[in-house]
Structure formats: structure tokens, C-alpha cells
N, C-alpha and C. Protein backbone atom coordinates (compact mmCIF):
# COMPACT_ATOMS: atom_id res chain seq x y z
N MET A 1 0.85 -1.17 0.00
CA MET A 1 0.00 0.00 0.00
C MET A 1 0.89 1.24 0.00
N TYR A 2 0.49 2.23 -0.76
CA TYR A 2 1.23 3.48 -0.80
C TYR A 2 0.26 4.64 -0.75
N ALA A 3 0.80 5.82 -0.46
CA ALA A 3 -0.04 7.02 -0.39
C ALA A 3 0.78 8.21 -0.90
N VAL A 4 0.08 9.24 -1.32
CA VAL A 4 0.71 10.50 -1.69
C VAL A 4 0.24 11.53 -0.67
N ILE A 5 1.22 12.11 0.06
CA ILE A 5 0.90 13.09 1.10
C ILE A 5 1.47 14.43 0.71
N LYS A 6 0.94 15.47 1.35
CA LYS A 6 1.42 16.82 1.12
C LYS A 6 1.89 17.39 2.46
N THR A 7 3.15 17.84 2.50
CA THR A 7 3.70 18.46 3.70
C THR A 7 4.82 19.41 3.29
N GLY A 8 4.86 20.55 3.91
CA GLY A 8 5.91 21.52 3.62
C GLY A 8 5.84 22.08 2.21
N GLY A 9 4.65 22.10 1.61
CA GLY A 9 4.51 22.64 0.27
C GLY A 9 4.93 21.67 -0.83
N LYS A 10 5.27 20.44 -0.47
CA LYS A 10 5.70 19.44 -1.44
C LYS A 10 4.85 18.19 -1.30
N GLN A 11 4.87 17.35 -2.33
CA GLN A 11 4.13 16.10 -2.32
C GLN A 11 5.11 14.93 -2.33
N TYR A 12 4.81 13.90 -1.54
CA TYR A 12 5.68 12.74 -1.43
C TYR A 12 4.87 11.47 -1.60
N ARG A 13 5.44 10.50 -2.32
CA ARG A 13 4.84 9.17 -2.43
C ARG A 13 5.52 8.32 -1.37
N VAL A 14 4.73 7.78 -0.44
CA VAL A 14 5.28 7.05 0.70
C VAL A 14 4.67 5.67 0.79
N ALA A 15 5.42 4.75 1.42
CA ALA A 15 4.95 3.40 1.67
C ALA A 15 5.35 3.02 3.10
N ASN A 16 4.76 1.95 3.62
CA ASN A 16 5.08 1.51 4.98
C ASN A 16 6.55 1.15 5.11
N GLY A 17 7.18 1.58 6.21
CA GLY A 17 8.57 1.25 6.48
C GLY A 17 9.58 2.14 5.77
N GLU A 18 9.13 3.08 4.97
CA GLU A 18 10.01 3.95 4.21
C GLU A 18 10.50 5.11 5.07
N THR A 19 11.75 5.55 4.87
CA THR A 19 12.25 6.75 5.54
C THR A 19 12.46 7.83 4.50
N LEU A 20 12.16 9.08 4.87
CA LEU A 20 12.36 10.18 3.96
C LEU A 20 12.67 11.45 4.72
N LYS A 21 13.31 12.38 4.02
CA LYS A 21 13.66 13.67 4.59
C LYS A 21 12.66 14.70 4.06
N ILE A 22 11.99 15.38 5.00
CA ILE A 22 10.98 16.36 4.63
C ILE A 22 11.34 17.69 5.26
N GLU A 23 10.56 18.72 4.96
CA GLU A 23 10.77 20.03 5.57
C GLU A 23 10.64 19.92 7.09
N THR A 24 11.30 20.81 7.80
CA THR A 24 11.36 20.75 9.26
C THR A 24 9.98 20.74 9.90
N LEU A 25 9.78 19.80 10.82
CA LEU A 25 8.56 19.72 11.61
C LEU A 25 8.89 20.08 13.06
N VAL A 26 7.92 20.67 13.75
CA VAL A 26 8.10 20.97 15.17
C VAL A 26 7.62 19.75 15.94
N ALA A 27 8.55 18.81 16.16
CA ALA A 27 8.24 17.57 16.87
C ALA A 27 9.53 17.03 17.46
N ASP A 28 9.41 16.36 18.60
CA ASP A 28 10.58 15.79 19.25
C ASP A 28 11.00 14.49 18.57
N VAL A 29 12.28 14.17 18.68
CA VAL A 29 12.78 12.92 18.13
C VAL A 29 12.15 11.76 18.90
N GLY A 30 11.64 10.78 18.18
CA GLY A 30 10.97 9.63 18.80
C GLY A 30 9.46 9.78 18.89
N SER A 31 8.95 10.98 18.65
CA SER A 31 7.50 11.18 18.73
C SER A 31 6.84 10.74 17.42
N THR A 32 5.52 10.63 17.45
CA THR A 32 4.73 10.23 16.29
C THR A 32 3.99 11.44 15.74
N VAL A 33 4.03 11.60 14.43
CA VAL A 33 3.30 12.68 13.77
C VAL A 33 2.31 12.05 12.78
N ALA A 34 1.22 12.76 12.53
CA ALA A 34 0.21 12.29 11.59
C ALA A 34 0.05 13.32 10.48
N PHE A 35 0.09 12.86 9.25
CA PHE A 35 -0.12 13.73 8.09
C PHE A 35 -1.56 13.54 7.64
N GLU A 36 -2.35 14.60 7.76
CA GLU A 36 -3.78 14.53 7.45
C GLU A 36 -4.07 14.86 5.98
N GLU A 37 -3.13 15.53 5.31
CA GLU A 37 -3.36 15.92 3.91
C GLU A 37 -2.93 14.79 2.99
N VAL A 38 -3.81 13.80 2.81
CA VAL A 38 -3.55 12.65 1.96
C VAL A 38 -4.27 12.89 0.63
N LEU A 39 -3.50 12.89 -0.45
CA LEU A 39 -4.06 13.18 -1.77
C LEU A 39 -4.52 11.92 -2.50
N MET A 40 -3.83 10.79 -2.27
CA MET A 40 -4.15 9.57 -2.98
C MET A 40 -3.68 8.36 -2.18
N VAL A 41 -4.44 7.27 -2.25
CA VAL A 41 -4.05 6.01 -1.62
C VAL A 41 -4.22 4.92 -2.67
N GLY A 42 -3.22 4.05 -2.79
CA GLY A 42 -3.30 2.98 -3.77
C GLY A 42 -2.77 1.68 -3.23
N GLU A 43 -3.37 0.59 -3.70
CA GLU A 43 -2.91 -0.76 -3.36
C GLU A 43 -3.22 -1.65 -4.55
N GLY A 44 -2.18 -2.00 -5.29
CA GLY A 44 -2.38 -2.80 -6.50
C GLY A 44 -3.12 -1.98 -7.55
N ASP A 45 -4.26 -2.51 -8.03
CA ASP A 45 -5.06 -1.80 -9.03
C ASP A 45 -6.09 -0.87 -8.41
N ALA A 46 -6.33 -1.00 -7.10
CA ALA A 46 -7.32 -0.16 -6.42
C ALA A 46 -6.68 1.16 -6.02
N ILE A 47 -7.18 2.24 -6.58
CA ILE A 47 -6.65 3.58 -6.30
C ILE A 47 -7.79 4.49 -5.89
N LYS A 48 -7.59 5.21 -4.78
CA LYS A 48 -8.55 6.22 -4.34
C LYS A 48 -7.89 7.58 -4.46
N VAL A 49 -8.51 8.49 -5.20
CA VAL A 49 -7.98 9.83 -5.42
C VAL A 49 -8.91 10.83 -4.76
N GLY A 50 -8.35 11.76 -4.01
CA GLY A 50 -9.15 12.78 -3.34
C GLY A 50 -9.42 13.96 -4.25
N ALA A 51 -10.35 14.80 -3.82
CA ALA A 51 -10.69 15.99 -4.59
C ALA A 51 -10.79 17.19 -3.67
N PRO A 52 -9.73 17.83 -3.23
CA PRO A 52 -8.32 17.48 -3.44
C PRO A 52 -7.77 16.53 -2.38
N MET A 53 -8.43 16.41 -1.20
CA MET A 53 -7.92 15.54 -0.14
C MET A 53 -8.89 14.39 0.10
N LEU A 54 -8.35 13.27 0.58
CA LEU A 54 -9.19 12.15 0.98
C LEU A 54 -9.67 12.37 2.41
N ALA A 55 -10.96 12.20 2.63
CA ALA A 55 -11.51 12.34 3.98
C ALA A 55 -11.22 11.07 4.78
N ASP A 56 -11.02 11.21 6.07
CA ASP A 56 -10.79 10.08 6.99
C ASP A 56 -9.55 9.26 6.64
N SER A 57 -8.57 9.86 6.01
CA SER A 57 -7.31 9.18 5.70
C SER A 57 -6.18 9.92 6.37
N SER A 58 -5.18 9.17 6.81
CA SER A 58 -4.01 9.79 7.41
C SER A 58 -2.82 8.85 7.27
N VAL A 59 -1.65 9.43 7.41
CA VAL A 59 -0.42 8.66 7.39
C VAL A 59 0.32 8.99 8.67
N LYS A 60 0.70 7.95 9.42
CA LYS A 60 1.41 8.14 10.68
C LYS A 60 2.89 7.84 10.47
N ALA A 61 3.73 8.65 11.11
CA ALA A 61 5.17 8.50 10.96
C ALA A 61 5.86 8.77 12.28
N GLU A 62 7.06 8.22 12.44
CA GLU A 62 7.88 8.43 13.62
C GLU A 62 9.05 9.32 13.25
N VAL A 63 9.32 10.34 14.08
CA VAL A 63 10.42 11.26 13.82
C VAL A 63 11.73 10.59 14.25
N LEU A 64 12.65 10.42 13.28
CA LEU A 64 13.93 9.78 13.56
C LEU A 64 15.00 10.79 13.96
N SER A 65 15.09 11.91 13.23
CA SER A 65 16.13 12.90 13.53
C SER A 65 15.82 14.22 12.85
N HIS A 66 16.53 15.24 13.29
CA HIS A 66 16.52 16.56 12.66
C HIS A 66 17.94 16.82 12.16
N GLY A 67 18.07 17.60 11.11
CA GLY A 67 19.42 17.86 10.60
C GLY A 67 19.42 18.96 9.56
N ARG A 68 20.58 19.11 8.94
CA ARG A 68 20.75 20.09 7.88
C ARG A 68 21.35 19.40 6.67
N GLY A 69 20.88 19.75 5.50
CA GLY A 69 21.35 19.13 4.27
C GLY A 69 22.73 19.63 3.86
N ASP A 70 23.21 19.12 2.73
CA ASP A 70 24.50 19.53 2.21
C ASP A 70 24.46 20.99 1.78
N LYS A 71 25.62 21.64 1.84
CA LYS A 71 25.69 23.04 1.44
C LYS A 71 25.64 23.14 -0.08
N ILE A 72 24.83 24.07 -0.55
CA ILE A 72 24.81 24.37 -1.98
C ILE A 72 25.43 25.75 -2.16
N ARG A 73 26.10 25.95 -3.27
CA ARG A 73 26.78 27.21 -3.55
C ARG A 73 25.97 27.98 -4.59
N ILE A 74 25.71 29.25 -4.29
CA ILE A 74 25.02 30.13 -5.23
C ILE A 74 26.06 31.13 -5.72
N VAL A 75 26.31 31.15 -7.02
CA VAL A 75 27.33 32.04 -7.59
C VAL A 75 26.65 32.92 -8.63
N LYS A 76 26.80 34.22 -8.46
CA LYS A 76 26.30 35.19 -9.44
C LYS A 76 27.50 35.94 -9.99
N HIS A 77 27.59 36.02 -11.30
CA HIS A 77 28.75 36.65 -11.93
C HIS A 77 28.32 37.34 -13.22
N ARG A 78 28.73 38.58 -13.39
CA ARG A 78 28.48 39.32 -14.63
C ARG A 78 29.83 39.60 -15.27
N ARG A 79 30.02 39.14 -16.45
CA ARG A 79 31.33 39.32 -17.08
C ARG A 79 31.55 40.78 -17.46
N ARG A 80 32.77 41.20 -17.28
CA ARG A 80 33.25 42.55 -17.63
C ARG A 80 32.55 43.66 -16.84
N LYS A 81 31.86 43.35 -15.76
CA LYS A 81 31.15 44.38 -14.99
C LYS A 81 31.66 44.48 -13.56
N HIS A 82 32.70 43.76 -13.21
CA HIS A 82 33.27 43.75 -11.87
C HIS A 82 32.20 43.37 -10.82
N TYR A 83 31.38 42.38 -11.18
CA TYR A 83 30.34 41.92 -10.26
C TYR A 83 30.52 40.42 -10.05
N HIS A 84 30.71 40.03 -8.80
CA HIS A 84 30.86 38.62 -8.46
C HIS A 84 30.33 38.45 -7.04
N LYS A 85 29.40 37.52 -6.84
CA LYS A 85 28.80 37.32 -5.54
C LYS A 85 28.67 35.82 -5.29
N GLU A 86 29.07 35.36 -4.10
CA GLU A 86 28.93 33.97 -3.73
C GLU A 86 28.13 33.87 -2.44
N GLN A 87 27.31 32.84 -2.35
CA GLN A 87 26.49 32.65 -1.17
C GLN A 87 26.29 31.15 -0.98
N GLY A 88 26.16 30.71 0.26
CA GLY A 88 25.90 29.30 0.54
C GLY A 88 24.57 29.14 1.26
N HIS A 89 24.03 27.91 1.21
CA HIS A 89 22.75 27.64 1.86
C HIS A 89 22.70 26.18 2.30
N ARG A 90 22.21 25.94 3.51
CA ARG A 90 21.95 24.59 4.00
C ARG A 90 20.52 24.52 4.48
N GLN A 91 19.73 23.62 3.89
CA GLN A 91 18.31 23.51 4.21
C GLN A 91 18.12 22.58 5.41
N ASN A 92 17.28 22.99 6.34
CA ASN A 92 16.94 22.15 7.49
C ASN A 92 15.96 21.05 7.04
N PHE A 93 16.04 19.88 7.69
CA PHE A 93 15.12 18.80 7.37
C PHE A 93 14.80 17.99 8.61
N THR A 94 13.73 17.22 8.51
CA THR A 94 13.34 16.25 9.52
C THR A 94 13.25 14.89 8.83
N GLU A 95 13.90 13.89 9.40
CA GLU A 95 13.86 12.55 8.84
C GLU A 95 12.78 11.76 9.57
N VAL A 96 11.85 11.19 8.80
CA VAL A 96 10.74 10.45 9.39
C VAL A 96 10.68 9.04 8.78
N LYS A 97 10.10 8.11 9.55
CA LYS A 97 9.87 6.75 9.08
C LYS A 97 8.37 6.50 9.09
N ILE A 98 7.82 6.12 7.96
CA ILE A 98 6.39 5.88 7.82
C ILE A 98 6.04 4.57 8.54
N THR A 99 5.09 4.66 9.46
CA THR A 99 4.73 3.48 10.24
C THR A 99 3.36 2.92 9.87
N GLU A 100 2.43 3.77 9.43
CA GLU A 100 1.08 3.27 9.17
C GLU A 100 0.37 4.18 8.16
N ILE A 101 -0.37 3.55 7.25
CA ILE A 101 -1.22 4.28 6.30
C ILE A 101 -2.65 3.88 6.59
N VAL A 102 -3.47 4.85 6.99
CA VAL A 102 -4.88 4.60 7.30
C VAL A 102 -5.71 5.13 6.14
N ALA A 103 -6.41 4.21 5.45
CA ALA A 103 -7.18 4.63 4.27
C ALA A 103 -8.65 4.71 4.61
């Protein structure tokens, strides 16, 4: 069984036992969170699609850790104009493990 959930402005396809890194959640490590914005649930050929959300559906997950992603470099350069700018960015994330899909 799999589901498509929406969190942090992004959509993720998740299955039981899967771990993924999502936008930062305000939750303690080891706690359980529930994602109520379920867009689609599927199992084999049976697919339920919401309009836009499925009612009475949720996905439960356990918070494994919080962290920061790899640094990305932003470089802006204009040739022959004496303009050069560098900047770095590290995005915060929360790593979760999907424990249950309630359809």
C-alpha cells in the first residue's frame, strides 16, 4: 500500500517502512506525527484519489532525527562588470519513518 501526502509545500509518495527527509517539523525525536493531507491512496489496481484531499485518511510516521542538508553554492557573476557574488545555503530537514497508512 502506498499514499501521496502533502507536507511543507511538497508532495511525497510514501509506503510503509520507508524513511524520507521532509521540511522541518516541530516535533521531538521519537515522537509520532500524523499527516492529514492525503491526496491519494493505492494498493495494486485499487486507487482512491481525493478531490483534493481524501476524507478520513491519514499517514502516521515516527520522527527519527533533525538535521541540515549539504551546502549548496550560489554564484552570481556578470562578465566585464566587476560583479561577483557567492552565497551558501543549508536547508533544514526532519527525517521520518512511515509506520502506518490509514485509508
